[in-house]
Amino acid sequence: METKTNNNQERVEVMALFGYEMTPCQPLSFRRRGDVRDTEVTELLATTVKFIGGIARHIFDVTVGGEHCQLEFDSRSLAWYLTAEA
């Protein structure tokens, strides 16, 4: 299975909390392919939704150990992507 997309996104596995207070989804940690341990999300900074060709992309701006990165959830494929290095 390919883990990189055309937009230089890396497919990752995400542990998320759904239905939490005012945030319907909050990513807690993610794991890159080949990693043994999860990378913990330190802070959720912002969430946005982008519609691209009728497909919702949920974008989560997060910090991971002081580094900023983005996690994206594709509503059609139900896949998560890391779009900035952590």
PDB file of N, CA and C in Angstrom:
ATOM      1  N   MET A   1       0.840  -1.187   0.000  1.00  0.00           N
ATOM      2  CA  MET A   1       0.000   0.000   0.000  1.00  0.00           C
ATOM      3  C   MET A   1       0.878   1.241   0.000  1.00  0.00           C
ATOM      4  N   GLU A   2       0.548   2.177  -0.839  1.00  0.00           N
ATOM      5  CA  GLU A   2       1.323   3.415  -0.941  1.00  0.00           C
ATOM      6  C   GLU A   2       0.980   4.343   0.215  1.00  0.00           C
ATOM      7  N   THR A   3       1.998   4.969   0.810  1.00  0.00           N
ATOM      8  CA  THR A   3       1.756   5.846   1.952  1.00  0.00           C
ATOM      9  C   THR A   3       1.905   7.317   1.607  1.00  0.00           C
ATOM     10  N   LYS A   4       2.421   7.649   0.421  1.00  0.00           N
ATOM     11  CA  LYS A   4       2.554   9.047   0.007  1.00  0.00           C
ATOM     12  C   LYS A   4       1.530   9.328  -1.091  1.00  0.00           C
ATOM     13  N   THR A   5       0.980  10.556  -1.092  1.00  0.00           N
ATOM     14  CA  THR A   5       0.055  10.964  -2.135  1.00  0.00           C
ATOM     15  C   THR A   5       0.736  11.990  -3.017  1.00  0.00           C
ATOM     16  N   ASN A   6       0.036  12.432  -4.050  1.00  0.00           N
ATOM     17  CA  ASN A   6       0.585  13.423  -4.974  1.00  0.00           C
ATOM     18  C   ASN A   6       0.882  14.752  -4.287  1.00  0.00           C
ATOM     19  N   ASN A   7       0.172  15.074  -3.230  1.00  0.00           N
ATOM     20  CA  ASN A   7       0.346  16.357  -2.546  1.00  0.00           C
ATOM     21  C   ASN A   7       1.379  16.274  -1.439  1.00  0.00           C
ATOM     22  N   ASN A   8       2.264  15.277  -1.489  1.00  0.00           N
ATOM     23  CA  ASN A   8       3.291  15.089  -0.472  1.00  0.00           C
ATOM     24  C   ASN A   8       2.681  14.876   0.916  1.00  0.00           C
ATOM     25  N   GLN A   9       1.584  14.159   0.938  1.00  0.00           N
ATOM     26  CA  GLN A   9       0.932  13.806   2.191  1.00  0.00           C
ATOM     27  C   GLN A   9       1.298  12.367   2.524  1.00  0.00           C
ATOM     28  N   GLU A  10       1.456  12.112   3.785  1.00  0.00           N
ATOM     29  CA  GLU A  10       1.789  10.772   4.253  1.00  0.00           C
ATOM     30  C   GLU A  10       0.567  10.177   4.946  1.00  0.00           C
ATOM     31  N   ARG A  11       0.166   9.003   4.509  1.00  0.00           N
ATOM     32  CA  ARG A  11      -0.967   8.351   5.146  1.00  0.00           C
ATOM     33  C   ARG A  11      -0.535   7.835   6.518  1.00  0.00           C
ATOM     34  N   VAL A  12      -1.371   8.079   7.529  1.00  0.00           N
ATOM     35  CA  VAL A  12      -1.063   7.680   8.898  1.00  0.00           C
ATOM     36  C   VAL A  12      -2.298   7.054   9.536  1.00  0.00           C
ATOM     37  N   GLU A  13      -2.078   6.308  10.603  1.00  0.00           N
ATOM     38  CA  GLU A  13      -3.161   5.789  11.428  1.00  0.00           C
ATOM     39  C   GLU A  13      -3.364   6.778  12.568  1.00  0.00           C
ATOM     40  N   VAL A  14      -4.619   7.122  12.852  1.00  0.00           N
ATOM     41  CA  VAL A  14      -4.909   8.124  13.881  1.00  0.00           C
ATOM     42  C   VAL A  14      -5.846   7.537  14.931  1.00  0.00           C
ATOM     43  N   MET A  15      -5.531   7.832  16.186  1.00  0.00           N
ATOM     44  CA  MET A  15      -6.427   7.547  17.297  1.00  0.00           C
ATOM     45  C   MET A  15      -7.130   8.861  17.602  1.00  0.00           C
ATOM     46  N   ALA A  16      -8.463   8.876  17.477  1.00  0.00           N
ATOM     47  CA  ALA A  16      -9.220  10.111  17.664  1.00  0.00           C
ATOM     48  C   ALA A  16     -10.372   9.893  18.628  1.00  0.00           C
ATOM     49  N   LEU A  17     -10.754  10.978  19.263  1.00  0.00           N
ATOM     50  CA  LEU A  17     -11.888  10.992  20.177  1.00  0.00           C
ATOM     51  C   LEU A  17     -13.036  11.681  19.462  1.00  0.00           C
ATOM     52  N   PHE A  18     -14.173  10.997  19.326  1.00  0.00           N
ATOM     53  CA  PHE A  18     -15.325  11.548  18.625  1.00  0.00           C
ATOM     54  C   PHE A  18     -16.403  11.955  19.616  1.00  0.00           C
ATOM     55  N   GLY A  19     -17.079  13.081  19.330  1.00  0.00           N
ATOM     56  CA  GLY A  19     -18.186  13.539  20.141  1.00  0.00           C
ATOM     57  C   GLY A  19     -17.777  14.136  21.464  1.00  0.00           C
ATOM     58  N   TYR A  20     -16.659  14.853  21.500  1.00  0.00           N
ATOM     59  CA  TYR A  20     -16.134  15.443  22.723  1.00  0.00           C
ATOM     60  C   TYR A  20     -16.496  16.918  22.789  1.00  0.00           C
ATOM     61  N   GLU A  21     -17.352  17.309  23.712  1.00  0.00           N
ATOM     62  CA  GLU A  21     -17.771  18.692  23.942  1.00  0.00           C
ATOM     63  C   GLU A  21     -18.116  19.394  22.633  1.00  0.00           C
ATOM     64  N   MET A  22     -17.532  20.552  22.379  1.00  0.00           N
ATOM     65  CA  MET A  22     -17.843  21.329  21.180  1.00  0.00           C
ATOM     66  C   MET A  22     -17.042  20.882  19.960  1.00  0.00           C
ATOM     67  N   THR A  23     -16.084  20.004  20.148  1.00  0.00           N
ATOM     68  CA  THR A  23     -15.279  19.495  19.044  1.00  0.00           C
ATOM     69  C   THR A  23     -15.767  18.088  18.686  1.00  0.00           C
ATOM     70  N   PRO A  24     -16.396  17.910  17.524  1.00  0.00           N
ATOM     71  CA  PRO A  24     -16.934  16.587  17.196  1.00  0.00           C
ATOM     72  C   PRO A  24     -15.862  15.512  17.000  1.00  0.00           C
ATOM     73  N   CYS A  25     -14.636  15.934  16.661  1.00  0.00           N
ATOM     74  CA  CYS A  25     -13.541  14.981  16.490  1.00  0.00           C
ATOM     75  C   CYS A  25     -12.245  15.635  16.944  1.00  0.00           C
ATOM     76  N   GLN A  26     -11.463  14.892  17.726  1.00  0.00           N
ATOM     77  CA  GLN A  26     -10.180  15.407  18.189  1.00  0.00           C
ATOM     78  C   GLN A  26      -9.123  14.313  18.042  1.00  0.00           C
ATOM     79  N   PRO A  27      -8.134  14.517  17.148  1.00  0.00           N
ATOM     80  CA  PRO A  27      -7.055  13.533  17.033  1.00  0.00           C
ATOM     81  C   PRO A  27      -6.186  13.547  18.293  1.00  0.00           C
ATOM     82  N   LEU A  28      -5.924  12.366  18.834  1.00  0.00           N
ATOM     83  CA  LEU A  28      -5.127  12.239  20.060  1.00  0.00           C
ATOM     84  C   LEU A  28      -3.690  11.832  19.778  1.00  0.00           C
ATOM     85  N   SER A  29      -3.507  10.942  18.796  1.00  0.00           N
ATOM     86  CA  SER A  29      -2.164  10.480  18.429  1.00  0.00           C
ATOM     87  C   SER A  29      -2.223   9.913  17.017  1.00  0.00           C
ATOM     88  N   PHE A  30      -1.041   9.749  16.420  1.00  0.00           N
ATOM     89  CA  PHE A  30      -0.969   9.124  15.100  1.00  0.00           C
ATOM     90  C   PHE A  30       0.275   8.260  15.025  1.00  0.00           C
ATOM     91  N   ARG A  31       0.262   7.345  14.058  1.00  0.00           N
ATOM     92  CA  ARG A  31       1.388   6.447  13.853  1.00  0.00           C
ATOM     93  C   ARG A  31       1.703   6.381  12.363  1.00  0.00           C
ATOM     94  N   ARG A  32       2.965   6.635  12.058  1.00  0.00           N
ATOM     95  CA  ARG A  32       3.443   6.506  10.684  1.00  0.00           C
ATOM     96  C   ARG A  32       3.701   5.037  10.375  1.00  0.00           C
ATOM     97  N   ARG A  33       3.657   4.713   9.113  1.00  0.00           N
ATOM     98  CA  ARG A  33       3.926   3.347   8.690  1.00  0.00           C
ATOM     99  C   ARG A  33       5.349   2.960   9.093  1.00  0.00           C
ATOM    100  N   GLY A  34       5.471   1.821   9.747  1.00  0.00           N
ATOM    101  CA  GLY A  34       6.777   1.334  10.171  1.00  0.00           C
ATOM    102  C   GLY A  34       7.167   1.759  11.573  1.00  0.00           C
ATOM    103  N   ASP A  35       6.466   2.732  12.150  1.00  0.00           N
ATOM    104  CA  ASP A  35       6.766   3.159  13.518  1.00  0.00           C
ATOM    105  C   ASP A  35       6.201   2.165  14.516  1.00  0.00           C
ATOM    106  N   VAL A  36       6.903   1.997  15.614  1.00  0.00           N
ATOM    107  CA  VAL A  36       6.463   1.103  16.673  1.00  0.00           C
ATOM    108  C   VAL A  36       5.566   1.851  17.657  1.00  0.00           C
ATOM    109  N   ARG A  37       5.863   3.116  17.877  1.00  0.00           N
ATOM    110  CA  ARG A  37       5.130   3.914  18.864  1.00  0.00           C
ATOM    111  C   ARG A  37       4.272   4.979  18.203  1.00  0.00           C
ATOM    112  N   ASP A  38       3.229   5.356  18.932  1.00  0.00           N
ATOM    113  CA  ASP A  38       2.373   6.453  18.493  1.00  0.00           C
ATOM    114  C   ASP A  38       3.054   7.782  18.788  1.00  0.00           C
ATOM    115  N   THR A  39       2.745   8.787  17.976  1.00  0.00           N
ATOM    116  CA  THR A  39       3.180  10.152  18.216  1.00  0.00           C
ATOM    117  C   THR A  39       1.993  10.888  18.815  1.00  0.00           C
ATOM    118  N   GLU A  40       2.153  11.417  20.020  1.00  0.00           N
ATOM    119  CA  GLU A  40       1.053  12.052  20.735  1.00  0.00           C
ATOM    120  C   GLU A  40       0.834  13.478  20.253  1.00  0.00           C
ATOM    121  N   VAL A  41      -0.424  13.832  20.027  1.00  0.00           N
ATOM    122  CA  VAL A  41      -0.802  15.201  19.696  1.00  0.00           C
ATOM    123  C   VAL A  41      -0.825  15.986  20.999  1.00  0.00           C
ATOM    124  N   THR A  42      -0.016  17.034  21.071  1.00  0.00           N
ATOM    125  CA  THR A  42       0.099  17.831  22.284  1.00  0.00           C
ATOM    126  C   THR A  42      -1.077  18.789  22.447  1.00  0.00           C
ATOM    127  N   GLU A  43      -1.467  19.437  21.339  1.00  0.00           N
ATOM    128  CA  GLU A  43      -2.524  20.443  21.414  1.00  0.00           C
ATOM    129  C   GLU A  43      -3.265  20.549  20.091  1.00  0.00           C
ATOM    130  N   LEU A  44      -4.577  20.675  20.166  1.00  0.00           N
ATOM    131  CA  LEU A  44      -5.406  20.951  18.996  1.00  0.00           C
ATOM    132  C   LEU A  44      -5.537  22.457  18.876  1.00  0.00           C
ATOM    133  N   LEU A  45      -5.017  23.027  17.782  1.00  0.00           N
ATOM    134  CA  LEU A  45      -5.014  24.478  17.603  1.00  0.00           C
ATOM    135  C   LEU A  45      -6.256  24.981  16.883  1.00  0.00           C
ATOM    136  N   ALA A  46      -6.655  24.292  15.813  1.00  0.00           N
ATOM    137  CA  ALA A  46      -7.802  24.732  15.015  1.00  0.00           C
ATOM    138  C   ALA A  46      -8.301  23.583  14.152  1.00  0.00           C
ATOM    139  N   THR A  47      -9.564  23.681  13.773  1.00  0.00           N
ATOM    140  CA  THR A  47     -10.135  22.708  12.839  1.00  0.00           C
ATOM    141  C   THR A  47     -10.870  23.465  11.744  1.00  0.00           C
ATOM    142  N   THR A  48     -10.762  22.963  10.520  1.00  0.00           N
ATOM    143  CA  THR A  48     -11.491  23.531   9.390  1.00  0.00           C
ATOM    144  C   THR A  48     -11.958  22.398   8.494  1.00  0.00           C
ATOM    145  N   VAL A  49     -12.940  22.703   7.670  1.00  0.00           N
ATOM    146  CA  VAL A  49     -13.428  21.735   6.688  1.00  0.00           C
ATOM    147  C   VAL A  49     -13.310  22.375   5.319  1.00  0.00           C
ATOM    148  N   LYS A  50     -12.712  21.641   4.372  1.00  0.00           N
ATOM    149  CA  LYS A  50     -12.565  22.087   2.994  1.00  0.00           C
ATOM    150  C   LYS A  50     -13.351  21.130   2.114  1.00  0.00           C
ATOM    151  N   PHE A  51     -14.140  21.661   1.193  1.00  0.00           N
ATOM    152  CA  PHE A  51     -14.867  20.822   0.251  1.00  0.00           C
ATOM    153  C   PHE A  51     -14.164  20.874  -1.086  1.00  0.00           C
ATOM    154  N   ILE A  52     -13.696  19.714  -1.535  1.00  0.00           N
ATOM    155  CA  ILE A  52     -12.972  19.608  -2.802  1.00  0.00           C
ATOM    156  C   ILE A  52     -13.718  18.604  -3.669  1.00  0.00           C
ATOM    157  N   GLY A  53     -14.379  19.102  -4.703  1.00  0.00           N
ATOM    158  CA  GLY A  53     -15.135  18.225  -5.579  1.00  0.00           C
ATOM    159  C   GLY A  53     -16.234  17.458  -4.850  1.00  0.00           C
ATOM    160  N   GLY A  54     -16.876  18.085  -3.898  1.00  0.00           N
ATOM    161  CA  GLY A  54     -17.955  17.447  -3.160  1.00  0.00           C
ATOM    162  C   GLY A  54     -17.501  16.522  -2.042  1.00  0.00           C
ATOM    163  N   ILE A  55     -16.200  16.463  -1.804  1.00  0.00           N
ATOM    164  CA  ILE A  55     -15.650  15.616  -0.749  1.00  0.00           C
ATOM    165  C   ILE A  55     -15.156  16.504   0.383  1.00  0.00           C
ATOM    166  N   ALA A  56     -15.575  16.203   1.586  1.00  0.00           N
ATOM    167  CA  ALA A  56     -15.149  16.986   2.748  1.00  0.00           C
ATOM    168  C   ALA A  56     -13.786  16.508   3.227  1.00  0.00           C
ATOM    169  N   ARG A  57     -12.865  17.450   3.397  1.00  0.00           N
ATOM    170  CA  ARG A  57     -11.563  17.184   4.006  1.00  0.00           C
ATOM    171  C   ARG A  57     -11.524  17.942   5.324  1.00  0.00           C
ATOM    172  N   HIS A  58     -11.455  17.205   6.419  1.00  0.00           N
ATOM    173  CA  HIS A  58     -11.397  17.805   7.748  1.00  0.00           C
ATOM    174  C   HIS A  58      -9.929  18.012   8.098  1.00  0.00           C
ATOM    175  N   ILE A  59      -9.552  19.255   8.365  1.00  0.00           N
ATOM    176  CA  ILE A  59      -8.156  19.617   8.594  1.00  0.00           C
ATOM    177  C   ILE A  59      -7.989  20.024  10.051  1.00  0.00           C
ATOM    178  N   PHE A  60      -7.029  19.392  10.707  1.00  0.00           N
ATOM    179  CA  PHE A  60      -6.747  19.643  12.115  1.00  0.00           C
ATOM    180  C   PHE A  60      -5.340  20.210  12.239  1.00  0.00           C
ATOM    181  N   ASP A  61      -5.230  21.459  12.671  1.00  0.00           N
ATOM    182  CA  ASP A  61      -3.928  22.058  12.970  1.00  0.00           C
ATOM    183  C   ASP A  61      -3.592  21.669  14.400  1.00  0.00           C
ATOM    184  N   VAL A  62      -2.461  21.005  14.585  1.00  0.00           N
ATOM    185  CA  VAL A  62      -2.079  20.493  15.899  1.00  0.00           C
ATOM    186  C   VAL A  62      -0.607  20.784  16.176  1.00  0.00           C
ATOM    187  N   THR A  63      -0.230  20.674  17.437  1.00  0.00           N
ATOM    188  CA  THR A  63       1.178  20.683  17.779  1.00  0.00           C
ATOM    189  C   THR A  63       1.548  19.308  18.302  1.00  0.00           C
ATOM    190  N   VAL A  64       2.765  18.931  17.983  1.00  0.00           N
ATOM    191  CA  VAL A  64       3.320  17.645  18.403  1.00  0.00           C
ATOM    192  C   VAL A  64       4.698  17.940  18.971  1.00  0.00           C
ATOM    193  N   GLY A  65       4.797  17.920  20.298  1.00  0.00           N
ATOM    194  CA  GLY A  65       6.079  18.218  20.946  1.00  0.00           C
ATOM    195  C   GLY A  65       6.657  19.558  20.559  1.00  0.00           C
ATOM    196  N   GLY A  66       5.829  20.576  20.419  1.00  0.00           N
ATOM    197  CA  GLY A  66       6.310  21.907  20.059  1.00  0.00           C
ATOM    198  C   GLY A  66       6.352  22.184  18.571  1.00  0.00           C
ATOM    199  N   GLU A  67       6.197  21.177  17.741  1.00  0.00           N
ATOM    200  CA  GLU A  67       6.206  21.341  16.276  1.00  0.00           C
ATOM    201  C   GLU A  67       4.773  21.422  15.766  1.00  0.00           C
ATOM    202  N   HIS A  68       4.540  22.307  14.793  1.00  0.00           N
ATOM    203  CA  HIS A  68       3.219  22.440  14.181  1.00  0.00           C
ATOM    204  C   HIS A  68       3.083  21.444  13.037  1.00  0.00           C
ATOM    205  N   CYS A  69       1.923  20.810  12.937  1.00  0.00           N
ATOM    206  CA  CYS A  69       1.642  19.960  11.785  1.00  0.00           C
ATOM    207  C   CYS A  69       0.147  19.929  11.538  1.00  0.00           C
ATOM    208  N   GLN A  70      -0.259  19.339  10.420  1.00  0.00           N
ATOM    209  CA  GLN A  70      -1.665  19.201  10.082  1.00  0.00           C
ATOM    210  C   GLN A  70      -1.995  17.740   9.866  1.00  0.00           C
ATOM    211  N   LEU A  71      -3.136  17.341  10.388  1.00  0.00           N
ATOM    212  CA  LEU A  71      -3.701  16.039  10.094  1.00  0.00           C
ATOM    213  C   LEU A  71      -4.974  16.281   9.305  1.00  0.00           C
ATOM    214  N   GLU A  72      -5.162  15.516   8.223  1.00  0.00           N
ATOM    215  CA  GLU A  72      -6.359  15.660   7.400  1.00  0.00           C
ATOM    216  C   GLU A  72      -7.106  14.346   7.352  1.00  0.00           C
ATOM    217  N   PHE A  73      -8.443  14.448   7.429  1.00  0.00           N
ATOM    218  CA  PHE A  73      -9.299  13.282   7.322  1.00  0.00           C
ATOM    219  C   PHE A  73     -10.120  13.414   6.058  1.00  0.00           C
ATOM    220  N   ASP A  74     -10.030  12.422   5.172  1.00  0.00           N
ATOM    221  CA  ASP A  74     -10.768  12.402   3.915  1.00  0.00           C
ATOM    222  C   ASP A  74     -12.083  11.659   4.148  1.00  0.00           C
ATOM    223  N   SER A  75     -13.208  12.363   4.001  1.00  0.00           N
ATOM    224  CA  SER A  75     -14.510  11.767   4.314  1.00  0.00           C
ATOM    225  C   SER A  75     -14.942  10.695   3.319  1.00  0.00           C
ATOM    226  N   ARG A  76     -14.355  10.677   2.126  1.00  0.00           N
ATOM    227  CA  ARG A  76     -14.737   9.649   1.158  1.00  0.00           C
ATOM    228  C   ARG A  76     -13.973   8.355   1.395  1.00  0.00           C
ATOM    229  N   SER A  77     -12.666   8.449   1.523  1.00  0.00           N
ATOM    230  CA  SER A  77     -11.851   7.238   1.695  1.00  0.00           C
ATOM    231  C   SER A  77     -11.720   6.831   3.152  1.00  0.00           C
ATOM    232  N   LEU A  78     -12.106   7.735   4.078  1.00  0.00           N
ATOM    233  CA  LEU A  78     -11.973   7.517   5.522  1.00  0.00           C
ATOM    234  C   LEU A  78     -10.513   7.330   5.945  1.00  0.00           C
ATOM    235  N   ALA A  79      -9.623   7.971   5.181  1.00  0.00           N
ATOM    236  CA  ALA A  79      -8.186   7.877   5.448  1.00  0.00           C
ATOM    237  C   ALA A  79      -7.693   9.166   6.099  1.00  0.00           C
ATOM    238  N   TRP A  80      -6.678   9.027   6.932  1.00  0.00           N
ATOM    239  CA  TRP A  80      -6.016  10.153   7.594  1.00  0.00           C
ATOM    240  C   TRP A  80      -4.664  10.394   6.921  1.00  0.00           C
ATOM    241  N   TYR A  81      -4.285  11.678   6.802  1.00  0.00           N
ATOM    242  CA  TYR A  81      -3.009  12.059   6.202  1.00  0.00           C
ATOM    243  C   TYR A  81      -2.297  13.083   7.070  1.00  0.00           C
ATOM    244  N   LEU A  82      -0.998  12.940   7.162  1.00  0.00           N
ATOM    245  CA  LEU A  82      -0.134  13.929   7.797  1.00  0.00           C
ATOM    246  C   LEU A  82       0.341  14.832   6.671  1.00  0.00           C
ATOM    247  N   THR A  83       0.048  16.133   6.766  1.00  0.00           N
ATOM    248  CA  THR A  83       0.374  17.037   5.668  1.00  0.00           C
ATOM    249  C   THR A  83       1.526  17.973   5.975  1.00  0.00           C
ATOM    250  N   ALA A  84       2.065  17.895   7.170  1.00  0.00           N
ATOM    251  CA  ALA A  84       3.246  18.672   7.529  1.00  0.00           C
ATOM    252  C   ALA A  84       4.045  17.841   8.501  1.00  0.00           C
ATOM    253  N   GLU A  85       5.348  17.910   8.406  1.00  0.00           N
ATOM    254  CA  GLU A  85       6.205  17.100   9.262  1.00  0.00           C
ATOM    255  C   GLU A  85       6.055  17.452  10.718  1.00  0.00           C
ATOM    256  N   ALA A  86       6.124  16.423  11.554  1.00  0.00           N
ATOM    257  CA  ALA A  86       6.093  16.615  13.010  1.00  0.00           C
ATOM    258  C   ALA A  86       7.456  16.300  13.558  1.00  0.00           C
TER     259      ALA A  86
END
